[in-house]
Protein backbone atom coordinates (compact mmCIF):
# COMPACT_ATOMS: atom_id res chain seq x y z
CA UNK A 1 -72.50 -4.59 115.34
CA UNK A 2 -70.38 -7.16 113.52
CA UNK A 3 -68.91 -9.67 115.97
CA UNK A 4 -66.91 -11.30 113.17
CA UNK A 5 -65.67 -9.59 110.02
CA UNK A 6 -63.88 -11.16 107.07
CA UNK A 7 -62.95 -14.33 108.94
CA UNK A 8 -61.51 -17.09 106.73
CA UNK A 9 -60.33 -20.18 108.65
CA UNK A 10 -59.89 -23.88 107.85
CA UNK A 11 -59.42 -26.38 110.68
CA UNK A 12 -58.10 -29.78 109.70
CA UNK A 13 -58.82 -33.11 111.42
CA UNK A 14 -56.42 -33.80 114.25
CA UNK A 15 -55.39 -30.20 114.88
CA UNK A 16 -55.11 -28.61 118.32
CA UNK A 17 -55.92 -24.94 117.74
CA UNK A 18 -55.82 -22.18 120.35
CA UNK A 19 -57.82 -19.00 119.62
CA UNK A 20 -56.40 -16.00 121.46
CA UNK A 21 -57.03 -12.26 121.69
CA UNK A 22 -58.42 -9.58 124.02
CA UNK A 23 -61.87 -9.78 125.58
CA UNK A 24 -64.63 -8.85 123.17
CA UNK A 25 -62.58 -9.55 120.03
CA UNK A 26 -64.92 -12.29 118.75
CA UNK A 27 -63.30 -15.48 120.07
CA UNK A 28 -66.42 -16.92 121.66
CA UNK A 29 -68.55 -15.77 118.71
CA UNK A 30 -66.24 -17.71 116.39
CA UNK A 31 -66.58 -20.80 118.58
CA UNK A 32 -70.38 -20.52 118.56
CA UNK A 33 -70.42 -20.16 114.77
CA UNK A 34 -68.15 -23.18 114.33
CA UNK A 35 -70.51 -25.22 116.52
CA UNK A 36 -73.63 -24.06 114.74
CA UNK A 37 -74.95 -22.44 117.92
CA UNK A 38 -75.07 -19.09 116.11
CA UNK A 39 -75.84 -18.69 112.42
CA UNK A 40 -73.79 -16.09 110.52
CA UNK A 41 -75.66 -13.24 108.84
CA UNK A 42 -73.40 -13.61 105.78
CA UNK A 43 -70.71 -16.05 104.70
CA UNK A 44 -70.48 -19.82 104.89
CA UNK A 45 -69.63 -22.37 107.59
CA UNK A 46 -69.04 -26.06 106.81
CA UNK A 47 -68.67 -28.85 109.34
CA UNK A 48 -67.79 -32.34 108.08
CA UNK A 49 -69.04 -31.33 104.65
CA UNK A 50 -72.37 -30.04 105.98
CA UNK A 51 -73.28 -26.37 105.31
CA UNK A 52 -74.08 -25.20 108.85
CA UNK A 53 -75.07 -21.75 107.60
CA UNK A 54 -77.87 -23.29 105.50
CA UNK A 55 -79.29 -25.71 108.09
CA UNK A 56 -82.23 -24.98 110.34
CA UNK A 57 -81.83 -25.02 114.11
CA UNK A 58 -82.99 -28.62 114.49
CA UNK A 59 -80.51 -29.92 111.90
CA UNK A 60 -77.67 -27.94 113.45
CA UNK A 61 -78.56 -29.32 116.89
CA UNK A 62 -78.53 -32.91 115.60
CA UNK A 63 -75.17 -32.41 113.90
CA UNK A 64 -73.75 -30.86 117.06
CA UNK A 65 -75.16 -33.64 119.26
CA UNK A 66 -73.43 -36.38 117.29
CA UNK A 67 -70.22 -34.72 116.09
CA UNK A 68 -69.30 -31.79 118.37
CA UNK A 69 -68.39 -31.70 122.05
CA UNK A 70 -68.48 -28.41 123.99
CA UNK A 71 -66.53 -27.58 127.16
CA UNK A 72 -67.42 -24.38 129.03
CA UNK A 73 -65.50 -22.18 131.45
CA UNK A 74 -68.11 -22.56 134.19
CA UNK A 75 -68.62 -26.31 133.64
CA UNK A 76 -72.47 -26.16 133.32
CA UNK A 77 -73.02 -29.43 135.15
CA UNK A 78 -76.40 -30.24 136.71
CA UNK A 79 -75.93 -30.13 140.49
CA UNK A 80 -78.71 -32.65 141.20
CA UNK A 81 -77.07 -35.35 139.06
CA UNK A 82 -74.01 -37.44 139.81
CA UNK A 83 -70.86 -37.16 137.70
CA UNK A 84 -71.87 -40.30 135.78
CA UNK A 85 -75.41 -39.03 135.21
CA UNK A 86 -74.07 -35.72 133.86
CA UNK A 87 -71.90 -37.62 131.39
CA UNK A 88 -74.87 -39.75 130.35
CA UNK A 89 -77.05 -36.77 129.39
CA UNK A 90 -75.86 -36.33 125.76
CA UNK A 91 -76.13 -40.07 125.20
CA UNK A 92 -79.69 -40.11 126.54
CA UNK A 93 -80.51 -37.26 124.14
CA UNK A 94 -79.03 -39.33 121.31
CA UNK A 95 -81.16 -42.35 122.24
CA UNK A 96 -78.33 -44.58 123.47
CA UNK A 97 -79.68 -47.54 125.53
CA UNK A 98 -79.31 -47.22 129.31
CA UNK A 99 -76.81 -50.05 129.80
CA UNK A 100 -74.56 -48.81 126.99
CA UNK A 101 -74.54 -45.21 128.17
CA UNK A 102 -73.79 -46.20 131.77
CA UNK A 103 -70.82 -48.27 130.62
CA UNK A 104 -69.63 -45.44 128.36
CA UNK A 105 -69.93 -42.91 131.20
CA UNK A 106 -67.89 -45.16 133.48
CA UNK A 107 -65.20 -45.58 130.82
CA UNK A 108 -65.02 -41.84 130.16
CA UNK A 109 -64.72 -40.95 133.83
CA UNK A 110 -61.93 -43.49 134.11
CA UNK A 111 -60.29 -41.85 131.08
CA UNK A 112 -60.28 -38.41 132.73
CA UNK A 113 -59.08 -39.84 136.05
CA UNK A 114 -62.37 -39.78 137.94
CA UNK A 115 -63.32 -43.43 138.06
CA UNK A 116 -63.48 -43.17 141.86
CA UNK A 117 -65.89 -40.17 141.76
CA UNK A 118 -68.67 -41.43 139.49
CA UNK A 119 -71.33 -41.21 142.20
CA UNK A 120 -70.40 -37.73 143.45
CA UNK A 121 -72.46 -34.66 142.58
CA UNK A 122 -70.82 -31.45 141.31
CA UNK A 123 -71.05 -29.55 144.65
CA UNK A 124 -68.86 -32.26 146.17
CA UNK A 125 -66.20 -32.05 143.45
CA UNK A 126 -63.33 -29.60 143.10
CA UNK A 127 -63.22 -27.17 140.17
CA UNK A 128 -60.69 -29.35 138.36
CA UNK A 129 -62.81 -32.44 138.92
CA UNK A 130 -65.90 -30.66 137.62
CA UNK A 131 -64.03 -29.64 134.48
CA UNK A 132 -62.92 -33.24 133.99
CA UNK A 133 -66.56 -34.34 134.24
CA UNK A 134 -67.46 -31.65 131.68
CA UNK A 135 -64.76 -32.97 129.33
CA UNK A 136 -66.04 -36.53 129.76
CA UNK A 137 -69.56 -35.29 128.96
CA UNK A 138 -68.25 -33.53 125.84
CA UNK A 139 -66.79 -36.85 124.66
CA UNK A 140 -69.92 -38.88 125.37
CA UNK A 141 -71.12 -39.25 121.78
CA UNK A 142 -67.60 -39.71 120.33
CA UNK A 143 -67.42 -36.26 118.66
CA UNK A 144 -65.05 -35.55 115.80
CA UNK A 145 -64.49 -32.02 117.13
CA UNK A 146 -64.26 -30.64 120.68
CA UNK A 147 -64.66 -26.90 121.28
CA UNK A 148 -63.61 -25.38 124.61
CA UNK A 149 -64.33 -21.82 125.77
CA UNK A 150 -61.82 -20.69 128.43
CA UNK A 151 -61.68 -24.19 129.95
CA UNK A 152 -59.00 -23.21 132.50
CA UNK A 153 -60.42 -19.79 133.36
CA UNK A 154 -62.00 -20.90 136.65
CA UNK A 155 -59.07 -23.07 137.74
CA UNK A 156 -55.84 -22.49 139.60
CA UNK A 157 -52.60 -22.71 137.62
CA UNK A 158 -51.67 -26.27 138.59
CA UNK A 159 -55.15 -27.63 137.89
CA UNK A 160 -55.23 -25.69 134.62
CA UNK A 161 -52.02 -27.42 133.53
CA UNK A 162 -53.62 -30.78 134.34
CA UNK A 163 -56.63 -29.96 132.15
CA UNK A 164 -54.39 -28.89 129.26
CA UNK A 165 -52.43 -32.13 129.64
CA UNK A 166 -55.75 -33.96 129.30
CA UNK A 167 -56.51 -31.98 126.13
CA UNK A 168 -53.10 -32.96 124.76
CA UNK A 169 -53.95 -36.59 125.46
CA UNK A 170 -57.31 -36.23 123.68
CA UNK A 171 -55.58 -34.67 120.69
CA UNK A 172 -52.96 -37.45 120.63
CA UNK A 173 -55.87 -39.93 120.58
CA UNK A 174 -57.21 -38.26 117.43
CA UNK A 175 -59.70 -35.65 118.66
CA UNK A 176 -59.68 -32.27 116.91
CA UNK A 177 -59.58 -29.42 119.45
CA UNK A 178 -60.33 -25.71 119.21
CA UNK A 179 -59.72 -23.91 122.51
CA UNK A 180 -60.47 -20.26 123.22
CA UNK A 181 -58.09 -18.99 125.89
CA UNK A 182 -56.53 -15.91 127.50
CA UNK A 183 -53.77 -18.06 128.99
CA UNK A 184 -50.51 -17.89 127.00
CA UNK A 185 -49.43 -21.13 128.67
CA UNK A 186 -52.41 -22.93 127.13
CA UNK A 187 -51.76 -21.37 123.71
CA UNK A 188 -48.10 -22.38 123.86
CA UNK A 189 -49.10 -26.04 124.11
CA UNK A 190 -51.40 -25.98 121.06
CA UNK A 191 -50.16 -26.96 117.62
CA UNK A 192 -51.58 -23.80 116.08
CA UNK A 193 -52.49 -20.36 117.39
CA UNK A 194 -55.16 -18.17 115.74
CA UNK A 195 -55.06 -14.59 117.00
CA UNK A 196 -58.12 -12.34 116.82
CA UNK A 197 -58.71 -8.60 117.25
CA UNK A 198 -61.88 -6.57 116.58
CA UNK A 199 -63.66 -9.51 114.95
CA UNK A 200 -60.75 -10.22 112.59
CA UNK A 201 -58.15 -12.96 112.39
CA UNK A 202 -54.88 -11.02 112.64
CA UNK A 203 -52.49 -13.93 113.12
CA UNK A 204 -52.37 -17.65 112.31
CA UNK A 205 -49.21 -19.53 113.25
CA UNK A 206 -48.82 -23.30 112.87
CA UNK A 207 -46.31 -25.92 111.84
CA UNK A 208 -46.33 -27.34 108.33
CA UNK A 209 -49.78 -28.84 107.72
CA UNK A 210 -50.05 -32.62 107.89
CA UNK A 211 -51.78 -34.85 105.41
CA UNK A 212 -55.42 -34.28 106.39
CA UNK A 213 -58.05 -35.70 104.05
CA UNK A 214 -61.19 -33.71 104.85
CA UNK A 215 -61.36 -30.26 106.43
CA UNK A 216 -63.54 -29.92 109.51
CA UNK A 217 -65.02 -26.44 110.05
CA UNK A 218 -64.60 -24.00 107.18
CA UNK A 219 -65.63 -20.39 107.69
CA UNK A 220 -65.94 -18.37 104.51
CA UNK A 221 -64.51 -14.88 104.12
CA UNK A 222 -66.98 -12.10 104.85
CA UNK A 223 -68.72 -13.99 107.65
CA UNK A 224 -70.55 -11.72 110.03
CA UNK A 225 -72.49 -12.56 113.18
CA UNK A 226 -75.28 -10.39 114.51
């Protein structure tokens, strides 16, 4: 089974891209390939000039740790850790000193509006608050690219709008975003919409491209994922 077939996509620095399409069309597979979580069976994937398709798992993990943030639909926070400790995890993995990562976690939680909830654990946070913690965690190592898989899928409409507003703020601050979504309201607020069906890109609408110097992920035509 080919999850992706003949995909050819360039994502430029500073873009806010929404990936849309029916369930099972390959949206999440594309996100995993862009992050280097999955390796394509054929084709090429480049991230910041690095050939993800040719790197081993360890090299892909290191590249992802330092340059890619991931936000999930179901948050994936550790319930036994506080909000601040969850945000610190990627920095600890990257070898950031304790004092520096604690200060960074505090700053990030302030950034997402949770400076007053740093000591709370996920079970004591609302869904929207948990997603804000997850976004702060994704930003911990100052990634060039943030990927989000249905980040509003578990949230009510109002809270979902708040999360998208936060994404817009991140994008305005220079972060490149690729967001998989079923929500047309989320897609409408992106600067570009990539539509998928049956593993193919069937639509790609965006304003006139800006002056971007170096492409971020590049997925070569013919890419397939097992």
